[in-house]
Amino acid sequence: MQIIVVIVVIALVLIGLFVFKRKAPSQLSPGAPGSPEKPAEDDTPPAGDTATETGGETEAAEQVEATEAADGADATDAVEEPAPEEPVAEGVRLDEAAETAAADSLREARRDRKLQKLRQGLAKTRGGFIDKIAGVFKEKKEIDADLLNELEEVLITADIGAGTTEWLISILKGALDKDELKSPDAVWELLRAEIQHALTVEAPAWDPARKKPFTIMVVGVNGAGKTTTIGKLASQLTEQGLKVVLAAGDTFRAAAVNQLEIWGRRTGSEVVPPQKEGADPASVVHDAVKRAIEVGADVVIADTAGRLHTQAPLMEELKKIHRVMGKALEGAPHEVLLTVDATTGQNALQQAREFGDALPLTGVILTKLDGTAKGGVIVGICHERKIPIRFIGIGEAKSDLRAFSAADFVDALFHRDADDE
């Protein structure tokens, strides 16, 4: 009996599976495994339909395509049928001549401001030099030998130097003999022209970008302002985007090293110091040049000792530094700058002679011009030594270290107020 029951149950199960298989295909989704293949249909929507049965992604893509197509159509239309061009308002039109004139006016205004600052810085030199010349012209209207003698005295007391004074007076006497000096203004203009000529020394332009690293050796006696000048120069160079390395080559004065390190922090310049006080200056400068090459610096400025220029050992030490810089980098140093204090007058000219005999000077930095009436020495240095003036110092600010322009200097020096004319 039990066997019969089991057989009946198995039979019922088999019948149920058979029935399920017969009904399942019609309930399965199209494309599912085991479902019959759905006949292919025309996927072109019936006429009048505005929507499809695709998902959101397809609709978004179609919208993008439609937008791009519309943009393209608009662009095409714009090319084919350009809109009428509207007249430009007169105030918007570019006037090239007016723009050029405005730019020239702006440059002239800037130059006037610089000249005004330069005139202020040269006020004492003007008082001790140019104002005295103007005084001679006020007292004597007749141009003769006596007037030239008085001018000679003024030029000598202005610290121009005996040789330069003799040269200027000889030019004036020659012009007088040719009857070319008919008025005080003619003498004034001739003096101005010859002094500017003396200050215009032919030399390669100051261009720190011409070599990398561009090496500068700064020399001068103690108190001339070497280290401060180096700091100001480093500040200007870094503001131009150049990477600067400073060599603390004045190893005999701890204060000089400390001062240079302060300037290094202010300007973002790396300072290569001596390992100990009294270390070999040449080795410090050599290490600084090698360091500049290693870090890809643009400029190296080497400070040096500045004991009295009459001490022969100092000059020998400077010659050694010059040689060592050349061994560290071929062609170095590219500039050898003598820093002189304008307040020392004729002594500055003597320093130019001493340092110029020992080293191939390429330029002079004349400091403290704003504090002296002896600035006329600048003419003697250029005329006698044929060394160009690279920079002048007319104040304490870093911007008061000015690149020298003979034309601007003479304009400021010979500027006459209405009362002087």
Protein backbone atom coordinates (compact mmCIF):
# COMPACT_ATOMS: atom_id res chain seq x y z
CA MET A 1 0.00 0.00 0.00
CA GLN A 2 2.81 2.37 0.85
CA ILE A 3 4.44 1.68 -2.48
CA ILE A 4 1.27 2.69 -4.29
CA VAL A 5 1.13 6.01 -2.39
CA VAL A 6 4.74 6.84 -3.28
CA ILE A 7 4.11 6.08 -6.95
CA VAL A 8 1.04 8.36 -6.96
CA VAL A 9 3.00 11.24 -5.36
CA ILE A 10 5.83 10.95 -7.93
CA ALA A 11 3.31 10.90 -10.74
CA LEU A 12 1.63 14.07 -9.46
CA VAL A 13 5.00 15.87 -9.22
CA LEU A 14 5.92 14.94 -12.79
CA ILE A 15 2.52 16.10 -14.06
CA GLY A 16 2.98 19.45 -12.24
CA LEU A 17 6.44 20.06 -13.75
CA PHE A 18 5.09 19.24 -17.22
CA VAL A 19 2.26 21.75 -16.87
CA PHE A 20 4.64 24.50 -15.51
CA LYS A 21 6.97 24.11 -18.48
CA ARG A 22 4.09 24.49 -20.87
CA LYS A 23 2.92 27.77 -19.31
CA ALA A 24 6.30 29.46 -18.40
CA PRO A 25 7.43 30.68 -21.90
CA SER A 26 4.54 33.08 -22.28
CA GLN A 27 5.33 34.69 -18.89
CA LEU A 28 9.12 35.16 -19.39
CA SER A 29 10.45 38.59 -20.52
CA PRO A 30 11.73 38.83 -24.08
CA GLY A 31 15.39 38.09 -24.45
CA ALA A 32 15.56 35.93 -21.29
CA PRO A 33 17.24 32.52 -21.59
CA GLY A 34 14.77 29.94 -22.80
CA SER A 35 12.28 32.49 -24.13
CA PRO A 36 11.25 32.36 -27.76
CA GLU A 37 12.95 34.89 -30.04
CA LYS A 38 10.86 38.04 -30.57
CA PRO A 39 10.26 38.86 -34.22
CA ALA A 40 12.21 41.91 -35.47
CA GLU A 41 10.12 45.08 -35.62
CA ASP A 42 10.53 48.32 -37.54
CA ASP A 43 12.12 50.74 -35.03
CA THR A 44 10.95 53.79 -36.95
CA PRO A 45 8.29 55.45 -34.81
CA PRO A 46 4.87 55.81 -36.35
CA ALA A 47 4.03 59.11 -37.99
CA GLY A 48 3.00 61.73 -35.48
CA ASP A 49 4.88 60.16 -32.51
CA THR A 50 7.08 62.69 -30.58
CA ALA A 51 8.55 60.36 -27.97
CA THR A 52 10.49 57.13 -28.01
CA GLU A 53 10.47 54.23 -25.61
CA THR A 54 14.24 54.56 -24.86
CA GLY A 55 15.70 55.29 -21.40
CA GLY A 56 16.77 58.65 -19.88
CA GLU A 57 20.40 58.30 -20.98
CA THR A 58 19.42 58.02 -24.63
CA GLU A 59 17.11 60.99 -24.30
CA ALA A 60 19.91 63.08 -22.74
CA ALA A 61 22.29 62.14 -25.53
CA GLU A 62 19.67 63.07 -28.10
CA GLN A 63 19.16 66.41 -26.36
CA VAL A 64 22.90 67.11 -26.46
CA GLU A 65 23.05 66.20 -30.14
CA ALA A 66 20.05 68.37 -30.82
CA THR A 67 21.61 71.29 -28.93
CA GLU A 68 24.91 70.94 -30.77
CA ALA A 69 23.08 70.69 -34.05
CA ALA A 70 21.12 73.82 -33.22
CA ASP A 71 24.33 75.67 -32.28
CA GLY A 72 25.90 74.57 -35.53
CA ALA A 73 22.87 75.70 -37.45
CA ASP A 74 22.93 79.07 -35.72
CA ALA A 75 26.63 79.44 -36.51
CA THR A 76 25.99 78.51 -40.13
CA ASP A 77 23.18 80.99 -40.33
CA ALA A 78 25.42 83.67 -38.83
CA VAL A 79 28.03 83.03 -41.51
CA GLU A 80 25.56 82.93 -44.34
CA GLU A 81 23.55 85.94 -43.22
CA PRO A 82 25.77 88.26 -41.13
CA ALA A 83 24.02 90.82 -38.98
CA PRO A 84 24.45 94.41 -40.08
CA GLU A 85 27.53 95.99 -38.47
CA GLU A 86 26.68 98.69 -35.98
CA PRO A 87 28.80 101.85 -36.03
CA VAL A 88 31.41 102.01 -33.23
CA ALA A 89 31.10 104.97 -30.89
CA GLU A 90 33.80 107.59 -31.40
CA GLY A 91 34.96 107.24 -27.80
CA VAL A 92 35.73 103.53 -28.34
CA ARG A 93 37.75 103.90 -31.51
CA LEU A 94 41.51 103.38 -31.05
CA ASP A 95 43.48 106.47 -31.97
CA GLU A 96 47.02 105.22 -32.48
CA ALA A 97 48.51 108.70 -32.52
CA ALA A 98 46.76 109.66 -29.28
CA GLU A 99 47.81 106.39 -27.63
CA THR A 100 51.43 106.96 -28.60
CA ALA A 101 51.28 110.52 -27.33
CA ALA A 102 49.82 109.35 -24.00
CA ALA A 103 52.56 106.73 -23.60
CA ASP A 104 55.23 109.34 -24.38
CA SER A 105 53.67 111.71 -21.87
CA LEU A 106 53.69 109.03 -19.18
CA ARG A 107 57.37 108.22 -19.82
CA GLU A 108 58.22 111.91 -19.70
CA ALA A 109 56.39 112.31 -16.38
CA ARG A 110 58.30 109.37 -14.90
CA ARG A 111 61.59 110.79 -16.13
CA ASP A 112 60.73 114.16 -14.62
CA ARG A 113 60.08 112.53 -11.24
CA LYS A 114 63.39 110.69 -11.42
CA LEU A 115 65.20 113.87 -12.39
CA GLN A 116 63.56 115.76 -9.53
CA LYS A 117 64.77 113.12 -7.07
CA LEU A 118 68.23 113.25 -8.66
CA ARG A 119 68.30 117.05 -8.38
CA GLN A 120 67.47 116.76 -4.70
CA GLY A 121 70.26 114.21 -4.25
CA LEU A 122 72.75 116.45 -6.03
CA ALA A 123 71.70 119.64 -4.21
CA LYS A 124 74.96 119.93 -2.25
CA THR A 125 77.12 119.22 -5.29
CA ARG A 126 75.18 121.85 -7.21
CA GLY A 127 75.80 124.29 -4.37
CA GLY A 128 79.53 123.64 -4.40
CA PHE A 129 79.97 123.52 -8.14
CA ILE A 130 77.24 124.70 -10.50
CA ASP A 131 75.93 127.50 -8.30
CA LYS A 132 79.45 128.91 -8.07
CA ILE A 133 79.76 128.86 -11.86
CA ALA A 134 76.41 130.64 -12.12
CA GLY A 135 77.71 133.21 -9.62
CA VAL A 136 80.69 133.95 -11.87
CA PHE A 137 78.36 134.63 -14.80
CA LYS A 138 76.20 136.95 -12.71
CA GLU A 139 79.18 139.08 -11.71
CA LYS A 140 80.84 139.20 -15.15
CA LYS A 141 78.80 139.52 -18.32
CA GLU A 142 81.81 139.95 -20.59
CA ILE A 143 83.40 136.71 -21.78
CA ASP A 144 87.16 137.19 -21.52
CA ALA A 145 90.33 135.66 -20.06
CA ASP A 146 89.53 136.97 -16.58
CA LEU A 147 86.21 135.13 -16.55
CA LEU A 148 87.94 131.89 -17.57
CA ASN A 149 90.46 132.34 -14.73
CA GLU A 150 87.60 132.64 -12.23
CA LEU A 151 85.97 129.54 -13.71
CA GLU A 152 89.24 127.65 -13.30
CA GLU A 153 89.30 128.43 -9.58
CA VAL A 154 85.71 127.24 -9.19
CA LEU A 155 86.42 123.96 -11.01
CA ILE A 156 89.49 123.21 -8.89
CA THR A 157 87.61 123.81 -5.64
CA ALA A 158 84.80 121.54 -6.93
CA ASP A 159 87.21 118.55 -6.67
CA ILE A 160 87.11 117.87 -10.39
CA GLY A 161 90.87 117.51 -10.31
CA ALA A 162 93.70 119.60 -11.70
CA GLY A 163 94.06 117.58 -14.91
CA THR A 164 90.37 117.66 -15.76
CA THR A 165 90.13 121.37 -14.91
CA GLU A 166 93.03 122.14 -17.23
CA TRP A 167 91.36 120.15 -20.00
CA LEU A 168 88.04 122.01 -19.63
CA ILE A 169 89.67 125.45 -19.49
CA SER A 170 91.73 124.68 -22.60
CA ILE A 171 88.52 123.89 -24.48
CA LEU A 172 86.92 127.14 -23.31
CA LYS A 173 90.01 129.17 -24.27
CA GLY A 174 90.02 127.58 -27.72
CA ALA A 175 86.37 128.48 -28.23
CA LEU A 176 87.03 132.01 -26.97
CA ASP A 177 89.92 132.45 -29.41
CA LYS A 178 87.58 131.41 -32.23
CA ASP A 179 85.06 133.96 -31.03
CA GLU A 180 82.51 131.20 -30.36
CA LEU A 181 81.68 132.36 -26.83
CA LYS A 182 79.54 135.43 -27.22
CA SER A 183 77.45 135.08 -24.05
CA PRO A 184 77.46 133.41 -20.63
CA ASP A 185 74.87 130.95 -21.95
CA ALA A 186 77.33 129.84 -24.63
CA VAL A 187 79.97 129.12 -21.97
CA TRP A 188 77.40 127.33 -19.85
CA GLU A 189 76.27 125.10 -22.71
CA LEU A 190 79.84 124.31 -23.77
CA LEU A 191 80.79 123.33 -20.21
CA ARG A 192 77.67 121.19 -19.95
CA ALA A 193 78.37 119.42 -23.25
CA GLU A 194 82.02 118.69 -22.44
CA ILE A 195 81.26 117.39 -18.94
CA GLN A 196 78.60 115.08 -20.36
CA HIS A 197 81.13 113.93 -22.96
CA ALA A 198 83.65 113.16 -20.18
CA LEU A 199 81.04 111.19 -18.22
CA THR A 200 80.07 109.13 -21.26
CA VAL A 201 82.74 106.44 -21.19
CA GLU A 202 82.49 103.71 -23.80
CA ALA A 203 82.01 100.35 -22.11
CA PRO A 204 79.87 97.22 -22.44
CA ALA A 205 76.33 97.81 -21.21
CA TRP A 206 75.45 96.65 -17.72
CA ASP A 207 73.73 93.33 -18.45
CA PRO A 208 73.64 90.65 -15.71
CA ALA A 209 71.84 88.33 -18.13
CA ARG A 210 74.79 88.07 -20.53
CA LYS A 211 76.44 85.31 -18.47
CA LYS A 212 75.22 82.75 -15.96
CA PRO A 213 76.27 83.07 -13.29
CA PHE A 214 77.16 86.73 -13.78
CA THR A 215 80.01 87.39 -11.35
CA ILE A 216 80.66 90.76 -9.73
CA MET A 217 83.70 91.59 -7.60
CA VAL A 218 83.20 94.68 -5.42
CA VAL A 219 86.27 96.47 -4.05
CA GLY A 220 86.94 99.66 -2.10
CA VAL A 221 88.31 101.00 1.16
CA ASN A 222 86.58 100.58 4.50
CA GLY A 223 83.77 103.06 5.00
CA ALA A 224 83.04 103.54 1.31
CA GLY A 225 79.76 101.65 1.64
CA LYS A 226 80.68 98.39 -0.13
CA THR A 227 78.53 95.99 1.89
CA THR A 228 75.48 98.26 1.95
CA THR A 229 75.82 98.83 -1.78
CA ILE A 230 76.05 95.07 -2.36
CA GLY A 231 72.86 94.60 -0.34
CA LYS A 232 70.97 97.24 -2.31
CA LEU A 233 72.21 95.80 -5.60
CA ALA A 234 71.18 92.29 -4.54
CA SER A 235 67.74 93.62 -3.63
CA GLN A 236 67.28 95.18 -7.05
CA LEU A 237 68.47 92.05 -8.84
CA THR A 238 66.18 89.72 -6.89
CA GLU A 239 63.25 92.04 -7.60
CA GLN A 240 64.05 91.49 -11.28
CA GLY A 241 63.58 87.76 -10.70
CA LEU A 242 67.27 86.86 -10.58
CA LYS A 243 68.72 84.35 -8.12
CA VAL A 244 71.66 85.86 -6.24
CA VAL A 245 74.51 84.35 -4.20
CA LEU A 246 76.55 86.64 -1.94
CA ALA A 247 80.18 85.85 -1.07
CA ALA A 248 81.30 87.16 2.33
CA GLY A 249 84.88 87.78 1.20
CA ASP A 250 85.65 90.44 3.82
CA THR A 251 86.82 87.83 6.31
CA PHE A 252 88.81 90.30 8.41
CA ARG A 253 85.71 92.01 9.80
CA ALA A 254 83.06 89.92 11.55
CA ALA A 255 80.68 92.87 11.28
CA ALA A 256 80.93 92.77 7.48
CA VAL A 257 79.90 89.10 7.40
CA ASN A 258 76.99 89.73 9.78
CA GLN A 259 75.84 92.71 7.74
CA LEU A 260 75.93 90.69 4.53
CA GLU A 261 73.93 87.88 6.15
CA ILE A 262 71.26 90.39 7.17
CA TRP A 263 71.04 91.62 3.59
CA GLY A 264 70.88 88.00 2.45
CA ARG A 265 67.81 87.39 4.61
CA ARG A 266 66.18 90.62 3.45
CA THR A 267 66.68 89.90 -0.21
CA GLY A 268 66.29 86.12 -0.22
CA SER A 269 69.89 85.71 -1.38
CA GLU A 270 72.07 82.81 -0.28
CA VAL A 271 75.20 83.92 1.60
CA VAL A 272 78.40 81.87 1.53
CA PRO A 273 80.29 82.83 4.74
CA PRO A 274 83.85 82.07 5.80
CA GLN A 275 84.31 78.98 7.95
CA LYS A 276 86.06 81.12 10.54
CA GLU A 277 87.09 84.73 11.09
CA GLY A 278 90.24 85.52 9.14
CA ALA A 279 89.73 82.65 6.68
CA ASP A 280 91.24 82.91 3.20
CA PRO A 281 89.00 85.36 1.29
CA ALA A 282 89.85 83.79 -2.06
CA SER A 283 88.61 80.38 -0.91
CA VAL A 284 85.31 81.90 0.28
CA VAL A 285 84.75 83.59 -3.07
CA HIS A 286 85.74 80.40 -4.92
CA ASP A 287 83.18 78.41 -2.90
CA ALA A 288 80.51 81.03 -3.61
CA VAL A 289 81.04 80.81 -7.37
CA LYS A 290 80.91 77.00 -7.26
CA ARG A 291 77.78 77.17 -5.11
CA ALA A 292 76.12 79.50 -7.62
CA ILE A 293 76.88 77.05 -10.43
CA GLU A 294 75.52 74.17 -8.34
CA VAL A 295 72.19 75.85 -7.49
CA GLY A 296 71.74 77.54 -10.86
CA ALA A 297 72.05 81.09 -9.51
CA ASP A 298 72.05 83.99 -11.95
CA VAL A 299 74.41 86.37 -10.14
CA VAL A 300 77.32 86.16 -7.69
CA ILE A 301 78.37 89.31 -5.82
CA ALA A 302 81.64 89.07 -3.92
CA ASP A 303 82.37 91.40 -1.01
CA THR A 304 86.05 91.99 -0.30
CA ALA A 305 88.25 93.43 2.42
CA GLY A 306 88.69 97.18 2.42
CA ARG A 307 91.67 98.17 4.45
CA LEU A 308 93.51 101.34 3.40
CA HIS A 309 94.35 101.35 -0.29
CA THR A 310 97.96 102.32 0.56
CA GLN A 311 98.60 98.87 2.05
CA ALA A 312 100.26 96.72 -0.59
CA PRO A 313 99.19 93.35 0.94
CA LEU A 314 95.52 94.25 0.39
CA MET A 315 96.09 94.81 -3.31
CA GLU A 316 97.88 91.48 -3.58
CA GLU A 317 94.96 89.77 -1.83
CA LEU A 318 92.49 91.37 -4.28
CA LYS A 319 94.59 90.22 -7.23
CA LYS A 320 94.50 86.69 -5.83
CA ILE A 321 90.69 86.79 -5.45
CA HIS A 322 90.42 87.96 -9.05
CA ARG A 323 92.58 85.05 -10.26
CA VAL A 324 90.69 82.47 -8.19
CA MET A 325 87.32 83.65 -9.51
CA GLY A 326 88.66 83.09 -13.01
CA LYS A 327 89.68 79.54 -12.09
CA ALA A 328 86.28 78.80 -10.58
CA LEU A 329 84.50 80.06 -13.69
CA GLU A 330 86.08 80.93 -17.00
CA GLY A 331 85.78 84.65 -17.73
CA ALA A 332 84.99 85.58 -14.12
CA PRO A 333 84.69 88.14 -12.72
CA HIS A 334 82.54 89.79 -15.37
CA GLU A 335 82.47 93.10 -13.49
CA VAL A 336 85.02 94.58 -11.08
CA LEU A 337 83.34 97.54 -9.38
CA LEU A 338 85.16 100.11 -7.28
CA THR A 339 83.00 101.66 -4.56
CA VAL A 340 84.13 105.17 -3.59
CA ASP A 341 82.71 107.65 -1.09
CA ALA A 342 81.95 110.96 -2.83
CA THR A 343 82.49 112.87 0.43
CA THR A 344 86.22 112.10 0.24
CA GLY A 345 86.63 114.36 -2.80
CA GLN A 346 90.09 114.16 -4.33
CA ASN A 347 90.88 111.09 -2.24
CA ALA A 348 88.26 109.22 -4.27
CA LEU A 349 90.23 110.02 -7.41
CA GLN A 350 93.38 108.72 -5.72
CA GLN A 351 91.59 105.50 -4.80
CA ALA A 352 90.51 105.07 -8.43
CA ARG A 353 94.15 105.36 -9.44
CA GLU A 354 95.42 102.83 -6.87
CA PHE A 355 92.73 100.20 -7.40
CA GLY A 356 92.78 100.76 -11.16
CA ASP A 357 96.50 100.03 -11.29
CA ALA A 358 96.01 96.77 -9.37
CA LEU A 359 92.81 95.48 -10.97
CA PRO A 360 91.03 95.72 -14.34
CA LEU A 361 88.21 97.92 -13.06
CA THR A 362 85.08 97.83 -15.21
CA GLY A 363 83.06 100.43 -13.31
CA VAL A 364 82.69 102.74 -10.34
CA ILE A 365 79.92 103.06 -7.77
CA LEU A 366 79.91 106.55 -6.27
CA THR A 367 78.14 106.56 -2.90
CA LYS A 368 76.88 109.32 -0.58
CA LEU A 369 76.49 111.91 -3.33
CA ASP A 370 73.55 113.38 -1.46
CA GLY A 371 75.77 114.30 1.49
CA THR A 372 78.60 116.21 -0.12
CA ALA A 373 79.50 119.25 -2.18
CA LYS A 374 82.45 117.32 -3.63
CA GLY A 375 80.50 115.32 -6.22
CA GLY A 376 82.50 116.96 -9.01
CA VAL A 377 85.09 114.24 -8.45
CA ILE A 378 82.91 112.01 -10.64
CA VAL A 379 84.02 114.05 -13.67
CA GLY A 380 87.69 113.65 -12.80
CA ILE A 381 87.39 109.86 -12.36
CA CYS A 382 85.73 109.39 -15.74
CA HIS A 383 87.99 111.79 -17.61
CA GLU A 384 91.29 110.68 -16.11
CA ARG A 385 90.75 106.95 -15.65
CA LYS A 386 88.24 106.31 -18.47
CA ILE A 387 86.19 104.11 -16.14
CA PRO A 388 82.40 104.21 -16.51
CA ILE A 389 80.19 105.09 -13.56
CA ARG A 390 77.81 102.15 -13.08
CA PHE A 391 75.76 103.34 -10.10
CA ILE A 392 75.40 106.37 -7.85
CA GLY A 393 74.02 106.52 -4.32
CA ILE A 394 71.80 109.51 -3.53
CA GLY A 395 70.06 108.34 -0.36
CA GLU A 396 69.49 105.59 2.18
CA ALA A 397 66.67 103.72 0.44
CA LYS A 398 67.54 100.75 -1.75
CA SER A 399 65.93 102.57 -4.70
CA ASP A 400 68.39 105.43 -4.12
CA LEU A 401 71.12 103.28 -5.65
CA ARG A 402 70.61 104.47 -9.23
CA ALA A 403 71.95 103.14 -12.49
CA PHE A 404 74.06 105.98 -13.81
CA SER A 405 72.98 107.97 -16.85
CA ALA A 406 75.37 110.71 -17.99
CA ALA A 407 72.54 112.63 -19.67
CA ASP A 408 70.28 112.54 -16.60
CA PHE A 409 73.16 113.39 -14.27
CA VAL A 410 74.15 116.45 -16.31
CA ASP A 411 70.51 117.53 -16.68
CA ALA A 412 70.10 117.41 -12.91
CA LEU A 413 73.47 119.02 -12.20
CA PHE A 414 73.11 121.92 -14.66
CA HIS A 415 69.43 122.51 -14.02
CA ARG A 416 68.81 126.20 -13.46
CA ASP A 417 65.81 127.67 -11.71
CA ALA A 418 64.15 130.78 -13.11
CA ASP A 419 66.12 132.91 -10.64
CA ASP A 420 69.41 131.62 -12.03
CA GLU A 421 68.62 132.48 -15.64
